[in-house]
Structure formats: C-alpha cells, structure tokens
Amino acid sequence: MGNQANVPAAQGCGLMARVRATMKSVDVEGPFELYATRTPGFLLALGFRALGLHPVAVTLASMALGVAAAVFFSADTAGVRLWGVVMLLLANWMDCADGQLARMTGKCTQVGRVLDGFAGDLWFFAIYFAICWQLTPRLGLWIWLLAAWAGFYCHARQCALADYYRQAHLYFASGGASGELDSSEALGRHYAALGWTRSEWFTKLYEFFYIRYTRGQEKATPRFQRLLGDLRTGRMQLTPTLGADFRKGSLPLMPWCQVLTFDVRFAVLAVAATAGAGWAYFVFEATLMEVLRLVVRSRHEALCQQLADKAPGET
C-alpha cells in the first residue's frame, strides 16, 4: 500500500518507473523480481485494469490456473510436465498482477491479501499431490511421507516466516506507515464480534484460518514479538533512529527471504519435475531451504534482541 500514491505520478514515466511504482519496496523486491516477475505482472495488470477486473477476481483466476498446472505435473512424459511449468509461471505472474492491480486501483483489501497467500498454498498442494501420484509406482508410500514433511512442515513455515519478515521490514523502514503486521489477538477480538450472517460469514471463515496463520508467525518470532510488544504498549517509540537501525540489520536478510518464497523454489521444482525427479525437489525443501530458514530466523531474532534490549532513551 505504501507505493499506491506514487502510481499516478509515474504514469508518464518509462515502463520500469511505472513498474517500480506498483512494487511494495525496492528493499524487499530486488532486480530479479523487477524484471522476471513484476514487469510481466505489471503488463498483465494493465490489461486487467482495462477489462475492469477486480484484483480478487485475478487472484481466483491465478488459483485456478495453478491448480490446473498440477494435472500436467502428473504426466509420464517430460514435454507434458513442461507445459505444467509454463502454466505455473503464468499463474505466478497473475499472482503478482493482482497485488499491482490493487495498488493501481486503490482496491487493497485484507481478503485479497489472505487469498493471495492461500493461492500459493493451493498450487503447491495440488502439485505435490500430482508429483506423488506420478512417482508412487516407483517409490511407493515413501514419496507421500516425504512430500508431507516437505510441504506441511518445511514449505509452509519457510514462506510464512519470509512473508512476516518482509512485512516487518516495511513497517520499521517506513516508520509504521507501511507493512501489514496483524496481531492474532486483535484479529481474535474482531473474529469473536463477527456472526455467521450472510454479510459476515465469509469474513469470519477466512479470519478463522488467518488467525492461526498469524499466530504461527508470532510463535516463530518470540524476540520480535517482544520488540513489537514494547512499541504497542508505549515502552518504546518507533523513532527514525530505531527504524534506521532495524532496516540496517534487516536489509541483508531480505534477499534470503525472497529465496524462501517462490522464485528459487519454482526454478528447482521446474527442473526436478520436468526431469521426472520430483522427489529431489522435496529433499531440497526439507534440507537446504530448511537450513536457510533457521539461519534467517536466528539472525533476525538476534537483531530484535539487540534492539529490544536498548533503553527507550537510546532509540
């Protein structure tokens, strides 16, 4: 949302300037994302805006396309599986386009953000199932157990943590003006106040799952929660100095957070699945990506401990 005000001013500029105006921040989205994902997404977003589509409709379409790609991943021939890779790439561009369209049109909603995160989970669940289905004749039950560990335990926590750290970075770097750091406690109060009426049932349903997602992020980041709690209770103030110190320590971790989300994951999946060795992708998630998650978490928690230990007057 923080870049939304920049969009009108960028309309007369070059393509790259207009794309940057729809990005969250150059801190959390680097050159690779600019050219490989955000630019194709921006071009799609322009077309969707011309058609008058709502960002949520684009999100739902990307979900359907990503799930459809899973059917191709289950094929016995490499050429057909490659088509699944192409479809998943297009689904990801559409997933980028929905956020850019939301910032272009000012239609940023919590429902859209929740569905945006759910879309990726749905894609990979379907693709994991398809890969396991294809490999079962060769590997039996073991491929399902490996996929369950890699997906439900490793993949889910890696993406959730990376997303949370990027939102935290945006929040501190902007002095609290940006970043979507929802509190599970506040969400719980709002959830309790909602009913199962025609106008509220959908909001209540997605908040039920979103609260649990947010609670998992909070549980994984105890030292950051201490720092955030001090800010919310007034024991500390989000001064420019504190924001700059947090940004300085967090910025080197942002490229690694990007690795933990989609781009590198997609590249490894594309090669492994096309070659008929989807099991190698599951091993990659459960080993290298999991080690990276632990390293990023350790460094981020150490940063938060250092800042939280400072007296309010020092920040």
C-alpha atoms as a PDB file:
ATOM      1  CA  MET A   1       0.000   0.000   0.000  1.00  0.00           C
ATOM      2  CA  GLY A   2       2.880   2.337   0.671  1.00  0.00           C
ATOM      3  CA  ASN A   3       3.559   2.903  -3.048  1.00  0.00           C
ATOM      4  CA  GLN A   4      -0.018   3.478  -4.044  1.00  0.00           C
ATOM      5  CA  ALA A   5       0.360   7.261  -4.044  1.00  0.00           C
ATOM      6  CA  ASN A   6       3.248   7.004  -6.471  1.00  0.00           C
ATOM      7  CA  VAL A   7       1.245   5.356  -9.231  1.00  0.00           C
ATOM      8  CA  PRO A   8      -0.445   8.423 -10.765  1.00  0.00           C
ATOM      9  CA  ALA A   9       2.783  10.380 -10.780  1.00  0.00           C
ATOM     10  CA  ALA A  10       4.535   7.562 -12.598  1.00  0.00           C
ATOM     11  CA  GLN A  11       2.036   7.240 -15.424  1.00  0.00           C
ATOM     12  CA  GLY A  12       4.027   9.466 -17.744  1.00  0.00           C
ATOM     13  CA  CYS A  13       7.373   7.832 -16.953  1.00  0.00           C
ATOM     14  CA  GLY A  14       9.087   4.881 -18.580  1.00  0.00           C
ATOM     15  CA  LEU A  15       7.968   1.306 -18.130  1.00  0.00           C
ATOM     16  CA  MET A  16      10.421   0.435 -15.361  1.00  0.00           C
ATOM     17  CA  ALA A  17       9.491   3.532 -13.349  1.00  0.00           C
ATOM     18  CA  ARG A  18       5.828   2.613 -13.629  1.00  0.00           C
ATOM     19  CA  VAL A  19       6.544  -0.957 -12.547  1.00  0.00           C
ATOM     20  CA  ARG A  20       8.539   0.243  -9.521  1.00  0.00           C
ATOM     21  CA  ALA A  21       5.622   2.465  -8.540  1.00  0.00           C
ATOM     22  CA  THR A  22       3.448  -0.642  -8.096  1.00  0.00           C
ATOM     23  CA  MET A  23       6.041  -2.565  -6.056  1.00  0.00           C
ATOM     24  CA  LYS A  24       5.943  -2.705  -2.291  1.00  0.00           C
ATOM     25  CA  SER A  25       9.540  -1.558  -1.843  1.00  0.00           C
ATOM     26  CA  VAL A  26      12.902  -1.985  -3.536  1.00  0.00           C
ATOM     27  CA  ASP A  27      14.157  -3.181  -0.134  1.00  0.00           C
ATOM     28  CA  VAL A  28      12.106  -6.370  -0.285  1.00  0.00           C
ATOM     29  CA  GLU A  29      11.904  -6.828  -4.067  1.00  0.00           C
ATOM     30  CA  GLY A  30      15.225  -6.752  -5.911  1.00  0.00           C
ATOM     31  CA  PRO A  31      16.285  -6.541  -9.582  1.00  0.00           C
ATOM     32  CA  PHE A  32      15.382 -10.153 -10.346  1.00  0.00           C
ATOM     33  CA  GLU A  33      11.830  -9.660  -9.104  1.00  0.00           C
ATOM     34  CA  LEU A  34      11.603  -6.373 -11.014  1.00  0.00           C
ATOM     35  CA  TYR A  35      12.372  -7.935 -14.382  1.00  0.00           C
ATOM     36  CA  ALA A  36      11.325 -11.578 -14.021  1.00  0.00           C
ATOM     37  CA  THR A  37       8.047 -11.249 -12.132  1.00  0.00           C
ATOM     38  CA  ARG A  38       6.948  -7.672 -11.515  1.00  0.00           C
ATOM     39  CA  THR A  39       7.278  -6.446 -15.097  1.00  0.00           C
ATOM     40  CA  PRO A  40       5.221  -9.304 -16.632  1.00  0.00           C
ATOM     41  CA  GLY A  41       2.769  -8.883 -13.761  1.00  0.00           C
ATOM     42  CA  PHE A  42       2.505  -5.159 -14.400  1.00  0.00           C
ATOM     43  CA  LEU A  43       1.738  -5.684 -18.087  1.00  0.00           C
ATOM     44  CA  LEU A  44      -0.970  -8.183 -17.161  1.00  0.00           C
ATOM     45  CA  ALA A  45      -2.312  -5.764 -14.538  1.00  0.00           C
ATOM     46  CA  LEU A  46      -2.689  -3.060 -17.190  1.00  0.00           C
ATOM     47  CA  GLY A  47      -4.777  -5.443 -19.267  1.00  0.00           C
ATOM     48  CA  PHE A  48      -6.883  -6.496 -16.278  1.00  0.00           C
ATOM     49  CA  ARG A  49      -7.478  -2.847 -15.371  1.00  0.00           C
ATOM     50  CA  ALA A  50      -8.622  -2.113 -18.921  1.00  0.00           C
ATOM     51  CA  LEU A  51     -11.067  -5.012 -18.614  1.00  0.00           C
ATOM     52  CA  GLY A  52     -12.363  -3.650 -15.312  1.00  0.00           C
ATOM     53  CA  LEU A  53     -11.435  -6.770 -13.340  1.00  0.00           C
ATOM     54  CA  HIS A  54     -11.222  -6.659  -9.544  1.00  0.00           C
ATOM     55  CA  PRO A  55      -7.889  -7.811  -8.006  1.00  0.00           C
ATOM     56  CA  VAL A  56      -9.676 -10.610  -6.139  1.00  0.00           C
ATOM     57  CA  ALA A  57     -11.009 -11.954  -9.456  1.00  0.00           C
ATOM     58  CA  VAL A  58      -7.430 -12.059 -10.775  1.00  0.00           C
ATOM     59  CA  THR A  59      -6.331 -13.901  -7.622  1.00  0.00           C
ATOM     60  CA  LEU A  60      -9.065 -16.506  -8.080  1.00  0.00           C
ATOM     61  CA  ALA A  61      -8.075 -16.963 -11.736  1.00  0.00           C
ATOM     62  CA  SER A  62      -4.433 -17.481 -10.744  1.00  0.00           C
ATOM     63  CA  MET A  63      -5.522 -20.077  -8.188  1.00  0.00           C
ATOM     64  CA  ALA A  64      -7.451 -21.986 -10.848  1.00  0.00           C
ATOM     65  CA  LEU A  65      -4.554 -21.850 -13.322  1.00  0.00           C
ATOM     66  CA  GLY A  66      -2.014 -23.030 -10.746  1.00  0.00           C
ATOM     67  CA  VAL A  67      -4.199 -25.975  -9.745  1.00  0.00           C
ATOM     68  CA  ALA A  68      -4.753 -26.849 -13.415  1.00  0.00           C
ATOM     69  CA  ALA A  69      -0.967 -26.925 -13.865  1.00  0.00           C
ATOM     70  CA  ALA A  70      -0.804 -29.759 -11.349  1.00  0.00           C
ATOM     71  CA  VAL A  71      -2.597 -32.054 -13.791  1.00  0.00           C
ATOM     72  CA  PHE A  72       0.326 -31.686 -16.202  1.00  0.00           C
ATOM     73  CA  PHE A  73       2.879 -32.388 -13.452  1.00  0.00           C
ATOM     74  CA  SER A  74       1.355 -35.848 -13.014  1.00  0.00           C
ATOM     75  CA  ALA A  75       2.028 -36.835 -16.654  1.00  0.00           C
ATOM     76  CA  ASP A  76       4.515 -39.542 -17.621  1.00  0.00           C
ATOM     77  CA  THR A  77       6.230 -37.501 -20.344  1.00  0.00           C
ATOM     78  CA  ALA A  78       8.650 -34.608 -19.828  1.00  0.00           C
ATOM     79  CA  GLY A  79       7.062 -32.498 -22.572  1.00  0.00           C
ATOM     80  CA  VAL A  80       3.660 -32.517 -20.885  1.00  0.00           C
ATOM     81  CA  ARG A  81       5.188 -31.770 -17.480  1.00  0.00           C
ATOM     82  CA  LEU A  82       6.983 -28.801 -19.043  1.00  0.00           C
ATOM     83  CA  TRP A  83       3.602 -27.379 -20.003  1.00  0.00           C
ATOM     84  CA  GLY A  84       2.702 -27.565 -16.310  1.00  0.00           C
ATOM     85  CA  VAL A  85       5.797 -25.484 -15.544  1.00  0.00           C
ATOM     86  CA  VAL A  86       4.712 -22.861 -18.095  1.00  0.00           C
ATOM     87  CA  MET A  87       1.205 -22.726 -16.621  1.00  0.00           C
ATOM     88  CA  LEU A  88       2.585 -22.322 -13.100  1.00  0.00           C
ATOM     89  CA  LEU A  89       4.822 -19.479 -14.279  1.00  0.00           C
ATOM     90  CA  LEU A  90       1.811 -17.727 -15.793  1.00  0.00           C
ATOM     91  CA  ALA A  91      -0.154 -18.280 -12.583  1.00  0.00           C
ATOM     92  CA  ASN A  92       2.663 -16.619 -10.633  1.00  0.00           C
ATOM     93  CA  TRP A  93       2.668 -13.625 -12.990  1.00  0.00           C
ATOM     94  CA  MET A  94      -1.073 -13.312 -12.408  1.00  0.00           C
ATOM     95  CA  ASP A  95      -0.451 -13.586  -8.678  1.00  0.00           C
ATOM     96  CA  CYS A  96       1.922 -10.620  -8.986  1.00  0.00           C
ATOM     97  CA  ALA A  97      -0.581  -8.775 -11.151  1.00  0.00           C
ATOM     98  CA  ASP A  98      -3.363  -8.919  -8.557  1.00  0.00           C
ATOM     99  CA  GLY A  99      -1.300  -7.004  -5.989  1.00  0.00           C
ATOM    100  CA  GLN A 100      -0.099  -4.490  -8.571  1.00  0.00           C
ATOM    101  CA  LEU A 101      -3.664  -4.028  -9.810  1.00  0.00           C
ATOM    102  CA  ALA A 102      -4.811  -3.479  -6.230  1.00  0.00           C
ATOM    103  CA  ARG A 103      -2.209  -0.750  -5.714  1.00  0.00           C
ATOM    104  CA  MET A 104      -3.041   0.821  -9.102  1.00  0.00           C
ATOM    105  CA  THR A 105      -6.750   0.998  -8.340  1.00  0.00           C
ATOM    106  CA  GLY A 106      -6.649   1.504  -4.584  1.00  0.00           C
ATOM    107  CA  LYS A 107      -8.546  -1.772  -4.040  1.00  0.00           C
ATOM    108  CA  CYS A 108      -6.217  -3.240  -1.429  1.00  0.00           C
ATOM    109  CA  THR A 109      -8.187  -5.441   0.971  1.00  0.00           C
ATOM    110  CA  GLN A 110      -7.366  -7.916   3.711  1.00  0.00           C
ATOM    111  CA  VAL A 111      -9.440 -10.527   1.880  1.00  0.00           C
ATOM    112  CA  GLY A 112      -7.246 -10.055  -1.177  1.00  0.00           C
ATOM    113  CA  ARG A 113      -4.074 -10.439   0.865  1.00  0.00           C
ATOM    114  CA  VAL A 114      -5.340 -13.607   2.548  1.00  0.00           C
ATOM    115  CA  LEU A 115      -6.444 -15.130  -0.752  1.00  0.00           C
ATOM    116  CA  ASP A 116      -3.120 -14.135  -2.326  1.00  0.00           C
ATOM    117  CA  GLY A 117      -1.258 -16.183   0.263  1.00  0.00           C
ATOM    118  CA  PHE A 118      -3.727 -19.054   0.035  1.00  0.00           C
ATOM    119  CA  ALA A 119      -3.284 -19.218  -3.749  1.00  0.00           C
ATOM    120  CA  GLY A 120       0.341 -20.305  -3.470  1.00  0.00           C
ATOM    121  CA  ASP A 121      -0.509 -22.905  -0.839  1.00  0.00           C
ATOM    122  CA  LEU A 122      -3.226 -24.334  -3.059  1.00  0.00           C
ATOM    123  CA  TRP A 123      -0.924 -24.505  -6.107  1.00  0.00           C
ATOM    124  CA  PHE A 124       1.758 -26.387  -4.286  1.00  0.00           C
ATOM    125  CA  PHE A 125      -0.633 -28.738  -2.504  1.00  0.00           C
ATOM    126  CA  ALA A 126      -2.062 -29.766  -5.874  1.00  0.00           C
ATOM    127  CA  ILE A 127       1.383 -30.040  -7.474  1.00  0.00           C
ATOM    128  CA  TYR A 128       2.764 -32.107  -4.578  1.00  0.00           C
ATOM    129  CA  PHE A 129      -0.186 -34.458  -4.946  1.00  0.00           C
ATOM    130  CA  ALA A 130       0.403 -34.742  -8.692  1.00  0.00           C
ATOM    131  CA  ILE A 131       4.120 -35.465  -8.278  1.00  0.00           C
ATOM    132  CA  CYS A 132       3.417 -38.113  -5.647  1.00  0.00           C
ATOM    133  CA  TRP A 133       0.804 -39.689  -7.874  1.00  0.00           C
ATOM    134  CA  GLN A 134       3.312 -39.889 -10.729  1.00  0.00           C
ATOM    135  CA  LEU A 135       6.114 -41.334  -8.572  1.00  0.00           C
ATOM    136  CA  THR A 136       4.085 -43.789  -6.467  1.00  0.00           C
ATOM    137  CA  PRO A 137       4.642 -46.758  -8.818  1.00  0.00           C
ATOM    138  CA  ARG A 138       8.402 -46.313  -8.348  1.00  0.00           C
ATOM    139  CA  LEU A 139       8.704 -45.055  -4.769  1.00  0.00           C
ATOM    140  CA  GLY A 140       5.528 -46.196  -3.051  1.00  0.00           C
ATOM    141  CA  LEU A 141       4.357 -44.730   0.251  1.00  0.00           C
ATOM    142  CA  TRP A 142       7.702 -43.053   0.947  1.00  0.00           C
ATOM    143  CA  ILE A 143       7.163 -40.301  -1.599  1.00  0.00           C
ATOM    144  CA  TRP A 144       3.925 -39.299   0.128  1.00  0.00           C
ATOM    145  CA  LEU A 145       5.626 -39.154   3.521  1.00  0.00           C
ATOM    146  CA  LEU A 146       8.487 -37.087   2.116  1.00  0.00           C
ATOM    147  CA  ALA A 147       6.070 -34.712   0.393  1.00  0.00           C
ATOM    148  CA  ALA A 148       4.011 -34.287   3.570  1.00  0.00           C
ATOM    149  CA  TRP A 149       7.105 -33.386   5.594  1.00  0.00           C
ATOM    150  CA  ALA A 150       8.483 -31.046   2.919  1.00  0.00           C
ATOM    151  CA  GLY A 151       5.149 -29.332   2.304  1.00  0.00           C
ATOM    152  CA  PHE A 152       3.246 -29.124   5.577  1.00  0.00           C
ATOM    153  CA  TYR A 153       6.216 -28.718   7.884  1.00  0.00           C
ATOM    154  CA  CYS A 154       9.014 -27.116   5.845  1.00  0.00           C
ATOM    155  CA  HIS A 155       7.445 -25.201   2.946  1.00  0.00           C
ATOM    156  CA  ALA A 156       4.600 -23.701   4.983  1.00  0.00           C
ATOM    157  CA  ARG A 157       6.873 -22.396   7.731  1.00  0.00           C
ATOM    158  CA  GLN A 158       9.502 -21.110   5.311  1.00  0.00           C
ATOM    159  CA  CYS A 159       7.031 -18.986   3.334  1.00  0.00           C
ATOM    160  CA  ALA A 160       5.170 -17.752   6.418  1.00  0.00           C
ATOM    161  CA  LEU A 161       8.372 -16.610   8.099  1.00  0.00           C
ATOM    162  CA  ALA A 162       9.705 -14.911   4.959  1.00  0.00           C
ATOM    163  CA  ASP A 163       6.442 -13.051   4.433  1.00  0.00           C
ATOM    164  CA  TYR A 164       6.367 -11.923   8.057  1.00  0.00           C
ATOM    165  CA  TYR A 165       9.930 -10.637   7.999  1.00  0.00           C
ATOM    166  CA  ARG A 166       9.292  -8.658   4.822  1.00  0.00           C
ATOM    167  CA  GLN A 167       6.210  -7.060   6.370  1.00  0.00           C
ATOM    168  CA  ALA A 168       8.240  -6.278   9.500  1.00  0.00           C
ATOM    169  CA  HIS A 169      10.944  -4.666   7.378  1.00  0.00           C
ATOM    170  CA  LEU A 170       8.401  -2.491   5.580  1.00  0.00           C
ATOM    171  CA  TYR A 171       6.826  -1.474   8.885  1.00  0.00           C
ATOM    172  CA  PHE A 172      10.045  -0.332  10.554  1.00  0.00           C
ATOM    173  CA  ALA A 173      11.640   1.158   7.442  1.00  0.00           C
ATOM    174  CA  SER A 174       8.536   3.295   6.822  1.00  0.00           C
ATOM    175  CA  GLY A 175       8.171   4.435  10.417  1.00  0.00           C
ATOM    176  CA  GLY A 176       4.961   2.446  10.801  1.00  0.00           C
ATOM    177  CA  ALA A 177       3.331   3.814   7.648  1.00  0.00           C
ATOM    178  CA  SER A 178       3.627   0.554   5.689  1.00  0.00           C
ATOM    179  CA  GLY A 179       3.778  -3.180   6.351  1.00  0.00           C
ATOM    180  CA  GLU A 180       0.878  -5.425   7.312  1.00  0.00           C
ATOM    181  CA  LEU A 181       1.729  -6.654  10.796  1.00  0.00           C
ATOM    182  CA  ASP A 182      -1.564  -8.030  12.016  1.00  0.00           C
ATOM    183  CA  SER A 183      -1.957  -9.154  15.614  1.00  0.00           C
ATOM    184  CA  SER A 184      -3.595 -12.516  16.270  1.00  0.00           C
ATOM    185  CA  GLU A 185      -5.034 -11.089  19.488  1.00  0.00           C
ATOM    186  CA  ALA A 186      -6.692  -8.167  17.682  1.00  0.00           C
ATOM    187  CA  LEU A 187      -7.851 -10.458  14.895  1.00  0.00           C
ATOM    188  CA  GLY A 188      -9.333 -12.780  17.508  1.00  0.00           C
ATOM    189  CA  ARG A 189     -11.396  -9.962  19.007  1.00  0.00           C
ATOM    190  CA  HIS A 190     -12.690  -8.989  15.588  1.00  0.00           C
ATOM    191  CA  TYR A 191     -13.439 -12.623  14.783  1.00  0.00           C
ATOM    192  CA  ALA A 192     -15.442 -13.025  18.011  1.00  0.00           C
ATOM    193  CA  ALA A 193     -17.538  -9.972  17.129  1.00  0.00           C
ATOM    194  CA  LEU A 194     -18.499 -11.376  13.725  1.00  0.00           C
ATOM    195  CA  GLY A 195     -21.530 -13.535  13.149  1.00  0.00           C
ATOM    196  CA  TRP A 196     -22.398 -16.241  10.647  1.00  0.00           C
ATOM    197  CA  THR A 197     -24.774 -13.942   8.807  1.00  0.00           C
ATOM    198  CA  ARG A 198     -24.982 -13.609   5.035  1.00  0.00           C
ATOM    199  CA  SER A 199     -22.871 -10.446   5.071  1.00  0.00           C
ATOM    200  CA  GLU A 200     -20.225 -11.680   7.552  1.00  0.00           C
ATOM    201  CA  TRP A 201     -19.816 -15.443   7.152  1.00  0.00           C
ATOM    202  CA  PHE A 202     -17.049 -15.275   4.554  1.00  0.00           C
ATOM    203  CA  THR A 203     -15.030 -12.764   6.577  1.00  0.00           C
ATOM    204  CA  LYS A 204     -15.441 -14.917   9.677  1.00  0.00           C
ATOM    205  CA  LEU A 205     -14.382 -18.039   7.808  1.00  0.00           C
ATOM    206  CA  TYR A 206     -11.174 -16.636   6.338  1.00  0.00           C
ATOM    207  CA  GLU A 207     -10.307 -14.906   9.631  1.00  0.00           C
ATOM    208  CA  PHE A 208     -10.588 -18.292  11.355  1.00  0.00           C
ATOM    209  CA  PHE A 209      -7.694 -19.590   9.214  1.00  0.00           C
ATOM    210  CA  TYR A 210      -5.844 -16.279   9.054  1.00  0.00           C
ATOM    211  CA  ILE A 211      -5.696 -16.030  12.850  1.00  0.00           C
ATOM    212  CA  ARG A 212      -3.983 -19.407  13.011  1.00  0.00           C
ATOM    213  CA  TYR A 213      -1.561 -18.402  10.264  1.00  0.00           C
ATOM    214  CA  THR A 214      -0.701 -15.180  12.099  1.00  0.00           C
ATOM    215  CA  ARG A 215      -0.372 -16.992  15.422  1.00  0.00           C
ATOM    216  CA  GLY A 216       2.143 -19.354  13.826  1.00  0.00           C
ATOM    217  CA  GLN A 217       4.205 -16.395  12.606  1.00  0.00           C
ATOM    218  CA  GLU A 218       4.154 -14.861  16.077  1.00  0.00           C
ATOM    219  CA  LYS A 219       5.113 -18.119  17.780  1.00  0.00           C
ATOM    220  CA  ALA A 220       8.136 -18.480  15.472  1.00  0.00           C
ATOM    221  CA  THR A 221       9.438 -14.973  16.307  1.00  0.00           C
ATOM    222  CA  PRO A 222       9.446 -14.523  20.120  1.00  0.00           C
ATOM    223  CA  ARG A 223      12.139 -11.836  20.265  1.00  0.00           C
ATOM    224  CA  PHE A 224      10.498  -9.821  17.515  1.00  0.00           C
ATOM    225  CA  GLN A 225       7.217 -10.101  19.441  1.00  0.00           C
ATOM    226  CA  ARG A 226       8.938  -8.636  22.488  1.00  0.00           C
ATOM    227  CA  LEU A 227      10.154  -5.676  20.410  1.00  0.00           C
ATOM    228  CA  LEU A 228       6.750  -5.212  18.803  1.00  0.00           C
ATOM    229  CA  GLY A 229       5.031  -5.503  22.175  1.00  0.00           C
ATOM    230  CA  ASP A 230       7.219  -2.763  23.618  1.00  0.00           C
ATOM    231  CA  LEU A 231       6.205  -0.497  20.732  1.00  0.00           C
ATOM    232  CA  ARG A 232       2.498  -1.280  21.023  1.00  0.00           C
ATOM    233  CA  THR A 233       2.445  -0.689  24.782  1.00  0.00           C
ATOM    234  CA  GLY A 234       4.431   2.547  24.569  1.00  0.00           C
ATOM    235  CA  ARG A 235       7.544   1.302  26.360  1.00  0.00           C
ATOM    236  CA  MET A 236       9.469   2.131  23.184  1.00  0.00           C
ATOM    237  CA  GLN A 237       8.828   4.567  20.369  1.00  0.00           C
ATOM    238  CA  LEU A 238       9.337   3.879  16.673  1.00  0.00           C
ATOM    239  CA  THR A 239      11.769   6.749  16.234  1.00  0.00           C
ATOM    240  CA  PRO A 240      13.687   7.403  12.999  1.00  0.00           C
ATOM    241  CA  THR A 241      16.794   6.017  14.726  1.00  0.00           C
ATOM    242  CA  LEU A 242      15.101   2.764  15.668  1.00  0.00           C
ATOM    243  CA  GLY A 243      13.627   2.441  12.189  1.00  0.00           C
ATOM    244  CA  ALA A 244      17.025   3.023  10.593  1.00  0.00           C
ATOM    245  CA  ASP A 245      18.743   0.547  12.936  1.00  0.00           C
ATOM    246  CA  PHE A 246      16.150  -2.115  12.205  1.00  0.00           C
ATOM    247  CA  ARG A 247      16.363  -1.515   8.457  1.00  0.00           C
ATOM    248  CA  LYS A 248      20.170  -1.706   8.539  1.00  0.00           C
ATOM    249  CA  GLY A 249      20.089  -5.088  10.261  1.00  0.00           C
ATOM    250  CA  SER A 250      17.121  -6.473   8.335  1.00  0.00           C
ATOM    251  CA  LEU A 251      18.091  -5.386   4.810  1.00  0.00           C
ATOM    252  CA  PRO A 252      20.794  -8.057   4.254  1.00  0.00           C
ATOM    253  CA  LEU A 253      18.175 -10.729   5.085  1.00  0.00           C
ATOM    254  CA  MET A 254      15.614  -9.594   2.525  1.00  0.00           C
ATOM    255  CA  PRO A 255      17.200 -11.360  -0.495  1.00  0.00           C
ATOM    256  CA  TRP A 256      17.242 -14.590   1.522  1.00  0.00           C
ATOM    257  CA  CYS A 257      13.596 -14.094   2.416  1.00  0.00           C
ATOM    258  CA  GLN A 258      12.900 -13.819  -1.308  1.00  0.00           C
ATOM    259  CA  VAL A 259      14.722 -17.137  -1.814  1.00  0.00           C
ATOM    260  CA  LEU A 260      12.429 -18.702   0.783  1.00  0.00           C
ATOM    261  CA  THR A 261       9.294 -17.707  -1.131  1.00  0.00           C
ATOM    262  CA  PHE A 262       8.747 -18.529  -4.816  1.00  0.00           C
ATOM    263  CA  ASP A 263      11.477 -17.765  -7.351  1.00  0.00           C
ATOM    264  CA  VAL A 264      14.233 -20.214  -6.390  1.00  0.00           C
ATOM    265  CA  ARG A 265      11.648 -22.764  -5.289  1.00  0.00           C
ATOM    266  CA  PHE A 266       9.998 -22.555  -8.701  1.00  0.00           C
ATOM    267  CA  ALA A 267      13.296 -22.976 -10.564  1.00  0.00           C
ATOM    268  CA  VAL A 268      14.224 -26.123  -8.646  1.00  0.00           C
ATOM    269  CA  LEU A 269      10.698 -27.508  -8.985  1.00  0.00           C
ATOM    270  CA  ALA A 270      10.681 -26.857 -12.750  1.00  0.00           C
ATOM    271  CA  VAL A 271      13.945 -28.732 -13.337  1.00  0.00           C
ATOM    272  CA  ALA A 272      13.195 -31.626 -10.975  1.00  0.00           C
ATOM    273  CA  ALA A 273       9.598 -32.183 -12.078  1.00  0.00           C
ATOM    274  CA  THR A 274      10.353 -31.932 -15.792  1.00  0.00           C
ATOM    275  CA  ALA A 275      13.134 -34.491 -15.354  1.00  0.00           C
ATOM    276  CA  GLY A 276      10.741 -36.825 -13.554  1.00  0.00           C
ATOM    277  CA  ALA A 277      12.663 -36.441 -10.269  1.00  0.00           C
ATOM    278  CA  GLY A 278      10.130 -34.522  -8.199  1.00  0.00           C
ATOM    279  CA  TRP A 279      11.460 -36.290  -5.094  1.00  0.00           C
ATOM    280  CA  ALA A 280      14.633 -34.176  -5.431  1.00  0.00           C
ATOM    281  CA  TYR A 281      12.562 -31.022  -5.022  1.00  0.00           C
ATOM    282  CA  PHE A 282      11.079 -32.364  -1.776  1.00  0.00           C
ATOM    283  CA  VAL A 283      14.581 -33.143  -0.493  1.00  0.00           C
ATOM    284  CA  PHE A 284      15.676 -29.614  -1.446  1.00  0.00           C
ATOM    285  CA  GLU A 285      12.853 -28.099   0.609  1.00  0.00           C
ATOM    286  CA  ALA A 286      13.481 -30.326   3.601  1.00  0.00           C
ATOM    287  CA  THR A 287      17.245 -29.704   3.714  1.00  0.00           C
ATOM    288  CA  LEU A 288      18.754 -26.615   2.093  1.00  0.00           C
ATOM    289  CA  MET A 289      15.659 -24.434   2.379  1.00  0.00           C
ATOM    290  CA  GLU A 290      15.063 -25.504   5.958  1.00  0.00           C
ATOM    291  CA  VAL A 291      18.651 -24.684   6.930  1.00  0.00           C
ATOM    292  CA  LEU A 292      18.231 -21.265   5.305  1.00  0.00           C
ATOM    293  CA  ARG A 293      15.025 -20.666   7.269  1.00  0.00           C
ATOM    294  CA  LEU A 294      16.798 -21.427  10.531  1.00  0.00           C
ATOM    295  CA  VAL A 295      19.733 -19.147   9.687  1.00  0.00           C
ATOM    296  CA  VAL A 296      17.484 -16.241   8.672  1.00  0.00           C
ATOM    297  CA  ARG A 297      15.362 -16.690  11.787  1.00  0.00           C
ATOM    298  CA  SER A 298      18.416 -16.789  14.067  1.00  0.00           C
ATOM    299  CA  ARG A 299      19.888 -13.609  12.597  1.00  0.00           C
ATOM    300  CA  HIS A 300      16.572 -11.751  12.666  1.00  0.00           C
ATOM    301  CA  GLU A 301      15.867 -12.759  16.264  1.00  0.00           C
ATOM    302  CA  ALA A 302      19.371 -11.634  17.278  1.00  0.00           C
ATOM    303  CA  LEU A 303      18.703  -8.238  15.688  1.00  0.00           C
ATOM    304  CA  CYS A 304      15.415  -7.891  17.553  1.00  0.00           C
ATOM    305  CA  GLN A 305      17.049  -8.892  20.847  1.00  0.00           C
ATOM    306  CA  GLN A 306      19.715  -6.238  20.361  1.00  0.00           C
ATOM    307  CA  LEU A 307      17.172  -3.501  19.665  1.00  0.00           C
ATOM    308  CA  ALA A 308      14.726  -4.564  22.393  1.00  0.00           C
ATOM    309  CA  ASP A 309      17.494  -4.538  24.999  1.00  0.00           C
ATOM    310  CA  LYS A 310      18.144  -0.843  24.382  1.00  0.00           C
ATOM    311  CA  ALA A 311      16.611   1.589  26.823  1.00  0.00           C
ATOM    312  CA  PRO A 312      13.836   3.725  25.279  1.00  0.00           C
ATOM    313  CA  GLY A 313      16.029   6.796  25.540  1.00  0.00           C
ATOM    314  CA  GLU A 314      18.701   5.170  23.379  1.00  0.00           C
ATOM    315  CA  THR A 315      16.396   4.651  20.406  1.00  0.00           C
END
